[in-house]
Protein backbone atom coordinates (compact mmCIF):
# COMPACT_ATOMS: atom_id res chain seq x y z
CA MET A 1 21.96 33.13 -0.49
CA ALA A 2 20.99 29.58 0.29
CA SER A 3 18.61 27.86 -2.07
CA HIS A 4 15.75 25.66 -0.98
CA PHE A 5 13.56 23.04 -2.58
CA ASN A 6 10.23 24.67 -1.85
CA ARG A 7 8.13 23.63 -4.80
CA GLU A 8 5.06 21.60 -3.98
CA ILE A 9 2.91 19.23 -5.98
CA ASP A 10 -0.01 20.77 -7.81
CA PHE A 11 -2.84 18.58 -6.55
CA LYS A 12 -5.04 19.66 -9.45
CA ILE A 13 -3.54 16.71 -11.31
CA PHE A 14 -5.43 14.45 -8.89
CA GLU A 15 -8.61 16.50 -9.11
CA ASN A 16 -8.62 16.47 -12.91
CA GLU A 17 -7.94 12.75 -13.06
CA TRP A 18 -10.74 12.11 -10.56
CA LYS A 19 -13.29 14.18 -12.52
CA ASN A 20 -12.36 12.51 -15.81
CA ASN A 21 -13.15 9.03 -14.50
CA LYS A 22 -16.41 8.99 -12.56
CA ASN A 23 -16.45 5.20 -12.28
CA GLN A 24 -13.67 5.43 -9.70
CA LYS A 25 -16.02 6.91 -7.11
CA LYS A 26 -18.61 4.20 -7.78
CA ILE A 27 -16.01 1.45 -7.35
CA ILE A 28 -14.72 2.86 -4.06
CA LEU A 29 -18.23 3.35 -2.66
CA ALA A 30 -19.20 -0.17 -3.77
CA PHE A 31 -16.09 -1.53 -2.06
CA LEU A 32 -16.93 0.33 1.15
CA ALA A 33 -20.53 -0.90 1.02
CA PHE A 34 -19.30 -4.46 0.56
CA LEU A 35 -16.94 -4.24 3.54
CA LEU A 36 -19.77 -2.99 5.72
CA PHE A 37 -22.13 -5.67 4.41
CA VAL A 38 -19.74 -8.53 5.22
CA ALA A 39 -19.16 -7.13 8.71
CA LEU A 40 -22.91 -6.89 9.37
CA TYR A 41 -23.47 -10.31 7.80
CA SER A 42 -20.95 -11.83 10.21
CA LEU A 43 -22.56 -10.06 13.16
CA ILE A 44 -25.95 -11.49 12.16
CA ILE A 45 -24.45 -15.00 12.08
CA ILE A 46 -23.02 -14.45 15.56
CA ILE A 47 -26.41 -13.30 16.87
CA ILE A 48 -28.19 -16.30 15.31
CA LYS A 49 -25.69 -18.77 16.72
CA ILE A 50 -25.83 -17.30 20.21
CA ALA A 51 -29.64 -17.11 20.15
CA PHE A 52 -29.94 -20.78 19.19
CA LYS A 53 -26.90 -22.00 21.10
CA GLN A 54 -28.77 -24.67 23.05
CA SER A 55 -30.51 -25.95 19.95
CA TYR A 56 -27.10 -26.10 18.32
CA PHE A 57 -25.72 -28.15 21.22
CA ASP A 58 -28.70 -30.53 21.18
CA PHE A 59 -28.44 -30.94 17.43
CA LEU A 60 -24.77 -31.89 17.52
CA LEU A 61 -25.21 -34.27 20.45
CA LYS A 62 -28.16 -35.98 18.78
CA ASN A 63 -26.68 -36.35 15.30
CA SER A 64 -23.11 -37.24 16.17
CA LYS A 65 -22.07 -40.85 15.56
CA ASN A 66 -19.34 -40.38 18.14
CA ASN A 67 -20.72 -41.79 21.38
CA ASN A 68 -17.95 -40.14 23.42
CA ILE A 69 -18.96 -36.59 22.51
CA ASN A 70 -20.51 -34.57 25.32
CA GLU A 71 -21.81 -31.05 25.88
CA GLU A 72 -18.37 -29.83 26.94
CA ASN A 73 -16.89 -30.99 23.64
CA VAL A 74 -19.71 -29.32 21.73
CA ALA A 75 -19.19 -26.05 23.65
CA GLY A 76 -15.52 -26.09 22.71
CA ILE A 77 -16.39 -26.58 19.05
CA PHE A 78 -19.00 -23.83 19.20
CA PHE A 79 -16.88 -21.14 20.82
CA GLY A 80 -13.47 -22.19 19.49
CA ASN A 81 -14.37 -22.76 15.87
CA TYR A 82 -17.74 -21.54 14.66
CA LEU A 83 -18.20 -18.40 16.74
CA ALA A 84 -14.55 -17.31 16.74
CA THR A 85 -14.24 -17.25 12.94
CA ASN A 86 -17.32 -15.05 12.56
CA THR A 87 -15.99 -12.68 15.21
CA ILE A 88 -12.63 -12.38 13.46
CA ILE A 89 -14.28 -11.54 10.14
CA ALA A 90 -16.69 -9.02 11.69
CA ILE A 91 -13.92 -7.16 13.52
CA GLY A 92 -11.53 -7.29 10.55
CA PHE A 93 -14.03 -5.91 8.07
CA LEU A 94 -15.22 -3.19 10.44
CA ILE A 95 -11.62 -2.03 10.94
CA SER A 96 -10.95 -2.17 7.20
CA PHE A 97 -14.15 -0.22 6.48
CA TYR A 98 -13.21 2.46 9.01
CA LEU A 99 -9.65 2.91 7.71
CA ILE A 100 -10.62 3.04 4.05
CA PHE A 101 -13.63 5.29 4.64
CA LYS A 102 -11.50 7.67 6.71
CA SER A 103 -8.76 7.78 4.05
CA TYR A 104 -11.39 8.32 1.34
CA VAL A 105 -12.86 11.33 3.17
CA ILE A 106 -9.37 12.80 3.66
CA SER A 107 -8.53 12.20 -0.01
CA ILE A 108 -11.69 13.98 -1.13
CA LYS A 109 -10.99 16.98 1.12
CA LYS A 110 -7.35 17.31 0.07
CA ASN A 111 -7.71 16.19 -3.56
CA SER A 112 -4.81 13.81 -2.95
CA PHE A 113 -6.06 10.30 -3.66
CA HIS A 114 -2.69 8.65 -3.08
CA LEU A 115 -3.70 8.77 0.61
CA LEU A 116 -6.27 5.98 0.12
CA SER A 117 -5.64 3.21 2.62
CA ASN A 118 -4.25 -0.15 1.48
CA SER A 119 -4.99 -2.01 4.73
CA SER A 120 -7.58 -4.26 3.08
CA LYS A 121 -5.04 -6.81 1.79
CA ILE A 122 -4.43 -8.10 5.30
CA ILE A 123 -8.16 -8.60 5.77
CA PHE A 124 -8.30 -10.42 2.43
CA PHE A 125 -5.83 -13.06 3.60
CA ILE A 126 -7.69 -13.49 6.88
CA PHE A 127 -11.02 -13.75 5.07
CA SER A 128 -9.60 -16.32 2.64
CA PHE A 129 -8.29 -18.45 5.49
CA VAL A 130 -11.56 -18.33 7.43
CA SER A 131 -13.65 -19.05 4.32
CA PHE A 132 -11.70 -22.16 3.41
CA TYR A 133 -11.51 -23.15 7.05
CA ASN A 134 -15.31 -23.13 7.23
CA VAL A 135 -15.45 -25.44 4.22
CA TYR A 136 -12.97 -27.72 5.96
CA LEU A 137 -15.18 -27.76 9.07
CA LEU A 138 -18.18 -28.66 6.91
CA PHE A 139 -16.53 -31.75 5.46
CA LYS A 140 -15.00 -32.61 8.81
CA GLY A 141 -18.44 -32.49 10.42
CA ILE A 142 -19.95 -34.67 7.71
CA SER A 143 -17.17 -37.24 8.12
CA GLU A 144 -17.79 -37.35 11.87
CA GLY A 145 -21.47 -38.08 11.45
CA PHE A 146 -23.21 -34.71 11.43
CA ASN A 147 -25.81 -35.39 8.76
CA ASN A 148 -27.48 -31.99 8.89
CA VAL A 149 -26.60 -28.33 9.45
CA LEU A 150 -28.16 -25.35 11.16
CA ALA A 151 -28.95 -21.89 9.76
CA GLY A 152 -25.77 -20.37 11.17
CA ASP A 153 -23.66 -23.02 9.47
CA ILE A 154 -25.37 -22.52 6.13
CA MET A 155 -24.63 -18.79 6.31
CA ASP A 156 -20.98 -19.57 7.02
CA TYR A 157 -20.61 -21.40 3.72
CA PHE A 158 -21.67 -18.31 1.76
CA TYR A 159 -18.35 -16.77 2.78
CA ILE A 160 -16.78 -18.53 -0.20
CA ILE A 161 -19.07 -16.66 -2.60
CA LEU A 162 -18.41 -13.40 -0.76
CA LEU A 163 -14.68 -14.08 -0.99
CA VAL A 164 -14.84 -14.13 -4.80
CA ALA A 165 -16.74 -10.83 -4.86
CA TYR A 166 -14.31 -9.35 -2.35
CA GLY A 167 -11.30 -10.33 -4.43
CA PHE A 168 -12.77 -8.63 -7.51
CA LEU A 169 -13.65 -5.38 -5.72
CA LEU A 170 -10.31 -5.33 -3.91
CA LYS A 171 -8.45 -5.58 -7.22
CA GLN A 172 -10.45 -2.70 -8.71
CA TYR A 173 -9.86 -0.58 -5.62
CA ASP A 174 -6.13 -1.26 -5.66
CA LEU A 175 -5.90 -0.28 -9.33
CA ILE A 176 -7.36 3.11 -8.46
CA ARG A 177 -5.15 3.63 -5.42
CA ASN A 178 -1.97 2.51 -7.20
CA LYS A 179 -2.68 4.82 -10.14
CA TYR A 180 -2.85 7.89 -7.91
CA PHE A 181 0.12 6.77 -5.84
CA LYS A 182 2.15 6.39 -9.03
CA ILE A 183 1.16 9.91 -10.11
CA TYR A 184 2.22 11.24 -6.71
CA VAL A 185 5.59 9.46 -6.70
CA GLU A 186 6.43 10.45 -10.27
CA GLU A 187 5.51 14.08 -9.60
CA ASN A 188 7.64 14.11 -6.45
CA ALA A 189 10.57 12.55 -8.28
CA ARG A 190 10.24 15.03 -11.15
CA ILE A 191 10.27 18.03 -8.80
CA LEU A 192 13.21 16.62 -6.85
CA SER A 193 15.31 15.95 -9.97
CA GLU A 194 14.45 19.26 -11.63
CA GLU A 195 15.32 21.24 -8.52
CA LEU A 196 18.62 19.43 -8.18
CA ALA A 197 19.43 20.07 -11.84
CA ARG A 198 18.36 23.73 -11.59
CA ASN A 199 20.48 24.40 -8.52
CA LEU A 200 23.49 22.69 -10.04
CA THR A 201 23.09 24.62 -13.29
CA SER A 202 22.57 28.00 -11.62
CA GLY A 203 25.40 27.48 -9.16
CA SER A 204 23.14 28.49 -6.28
CA MET A 205 24.00 25.52 -4.09
CA SER A 206 26.06 26.25 -0.98
CA ASN A 207 27.07 24.58 2.26
CA ASN A 208 24.09 26.24 3.93
CA PHE A 209 21.75 24.57 1.49
CA VAL A 210 19.71 21.74 2.98
CA PRO A 211 18.05 19.91 0.08
CA PHE A 212 14.78 18.00 -0.03
CA ASP A 213 13.43 19.14 3.36
CA GLN A 214 9.88 18.82 2.08
CA PHE A 215 10.42 15.10 1.50
CA ILE A 216 11.96 14.17 4.86
CA SER A 217 8.64 13.38 6.53
CA ASN A 218 7.20 11.68 3.47
CA MET A 219 7.57 8.01 4.38
CA MET A 220 5.15 6.86 1.70
CA TYR A 221 7.33 8.43 -0.94
CA GLU A 222 10.44 6.82 0.51
CA GLN A 223 8.84 3.39 0.55
CA GLN A 224 7.65 3.59 -3.04
CA ARG A 225 10.99 4.94 -4.28
CA ARG A 226 12.79 2.14 -2.48
CA ALA A 227 10.57 -0.49 -4.10
CA GLN A 228 11.23 0.95 -7.54
CA SER A 229 14.92 1.74 -7.04
CA GLY A 230 16.18 -1.39 -8.81
CA SER A 231 14.47 -0.89 -12.16
CA GLN A 232 14.73 2.90 -12.00
CA THR A 233 18.47 2.84 -11.27
CA ASN A 234 19.21 0.43 -14.10
CA ARG A 235 17.21 2.50 -16.56
CA THR A 236 18.85 5.74 -15.42
CA TYR A 237 22.43 4.55 -15.71
CA GLU A 238 22.42 2.11 -18.59
CA ASN A 239 23.29 4.81 -21.15
CA PHE A 240 25.38 6.98 -18.87
CA ASP A 241 28.64 6.43 -20.73
CA GLN A 242 26.99 7.59 -23.95
CA GLN A 243 25.49 10.62 -22.21
CA LYS A 244 28.81 11.51 -20.59
CA SER A 245 30.62 11.52 -23.90
CA GLN A 246 28.14 14.08 -25.24
CA VAL A 247 28.72 16.58 -22.42
CA PRO A 248 31.54 19.13 -22.88
CA SER A 249 34.31 18.52 -20.36
CA GLU A 250 34.17 22.17 -19.26
CA GLU A 251 30.50 21.82 -18.31
CA LYS A 252 31.13 18.61 -16.42
CA ASP A 253 34.06 20.14 -14.56
CA GLU A 254 31.90 23.10 -13.58
CA GLN A 255 29.10 20.92 -12.18
CA ILE A 256 31.55 18.63 -10.38
CA LYS A 257 33.19 21.70 -8.83
CA LYS A 258 29.82 22.93 -7.51
CA LEU A 259 29.19 19.58 -5.86
CA ASN A 260 32.70 19.46 -4.43
CA ASN A 261 32.09 22.82 -2.77
CA LEU A 262 29.30 21.30 -0.70
CA SER A 263 30.04 19.89 2.72
CA ARG A 264 30.02 16.12 3.19
CA GLU A 265 26.93 16.49 5.38
CA ASN A 266 24.93 18.10 2.59
CA LEU A 267 26.22 15.61 0.04
CA ASN A 268 25.03 12.82 2.31
CA LYS A 269 21.59 14.42 2.53
CA ILE A 270 21.39 14.60 -1.25
CA ALA A 271 22.54 10.98 -1.56
CA GLU A 272 20.00 9.83 1.00
CA LYS A 273 17.13 11.48 -0.83
CA LEU A 274 18.33 10.12 -4.17
CA GLU A 275 18.67 6.69 -2.50
CA ILE A 276 22.27 6.12 -3.53
CA PHE A 277 23.09 2.75 -2.01
CA GLY A 278 26.17 2.65 0.21
CA TYR A 279 26.83 6.38 0.07
CA GLU A 280 28.11 6.39 3.67
CA SER A 281 31.14 4.29 2.72
CA MET A 282 32.00 6.22 -0.45
CA ASN A 283 34.72 8.81 -0.47
CA LYS A 284 33.74 12.32 -1.51
CA ASP A 285 34.89 11.99 -5.12
CA GLU A 286 32.88 8.79 -5.63
CA LEU A 287 29.78 10.32 -4.10
CA VAL A 288 30.05 13.48 -6.19
CA GLU A 289 30.34 11.33 -9.33
CA LYS A 290 27.21 9.35 -8.39
CA ILE A 291 25.18 12.50 -7.80
CA TYR A 292 26.43 13.99 -11.05
CA ARG A 293 25.30 10.88 -12.91
CA ILE A 294 21.76 11.36 -11.68
CA TYR A 295 21.84 15.05 -12.59
CA LEU A 296 23.13 14.26 -16.08
CA ALA A 297 20.60 11.48 -16.65
CA GLN A 298 17.72 13.74 -15.59
CA LYS A 299 18.99 16.59 -17.75
CA THR A 300 19.13 14.26 -20.76
CA GLU A 301 15.60 12.95 -20.10
CA ASN A 302 14.23 16.49 -19.81
CA SER A 303 15.87 17.55 -23.05
CA ASN A 304 14.21 14.62 -24.83
C-alpha cells in the first residue's frame, strides 16, 4: 500500500506561545493604531492644504525673492511636491493597515500567526524617502527666499518624528512575526524529515508514493527554506563522513535499495522538496546518495 505524508502541524504551539506572551497583542494593536494614525494625519494635511490653497499661493508669491516666480510655478510646486507626498503616505499607510489588520484577524481565527503580513517594509522605505524629502524641500524653500511656512508645511516636518516611532514599532512587529514564522518552518521541516525517515525505515515507500503533497502549495515554506538552505545544508552535511562510518553497511545498503526502487519521478519530487540543488542533472545513484545523506543526518539529530 502506498504511504502518504499526511501529518499536519499542531497549531496549539502557536496558541500556547501567544497566550504566554500577552505583550505581543499590545504591540501589534499599537502598530495597527499607528499605521491608521499616520494615514489620517496625512489626510488632514491634504485637507488643510487644499482648503487654504489660495492663501498658500499668495504666501509663496509674496515671500519669494525670485521675481520670475508666478502662480503657475507655485501651482506646480503645490501639486507636484507638497500635495503628492502626503497623498503617497496616506494611501501607503491605509494599504499597509488593511493588509496587516486582515492578516491579524486571520491569524487569530486560525491560531497560525506565521500568516501575519510583512508588507509594511515597503511602506517604511517610502515613508523614509518622503520624510527626508520634506526636510530637503524645507531647506530648499529657505534658500530660495521663503522666510516663513504655513500650517500644512509645519505638519509635514513632523513626519521625521513619526518615522522614528514607525521604525521602532515596525521592528517589534517583525520580531513577533519572524518568531512565529520560524516556529512554522521548523515544525514543517521536522515533520517532513521524520516522515521521510519513517518511510525509509519501514520500507513502506513505493513507486506509487507521492511524497510531501501537503507542502506543494506552501509557497511561504518554500521561500523560507530557500533562504536558509545555505546555512542549513552546511550544518547538515559537515559531519556526514563521521555519521556514515557509524552506520552498519547492511543498514545503509537496505536504505539505499529502498530509494533505488523508487521511480526517477518520485525521487525528483523528494529532491525538490528537500531542495537538493541541481538534482535534475544528477544520475540516479548520485541523487539517491544525496537523499540518503539527509535521511542519515536527520536520524542522527533525532537520536541526539
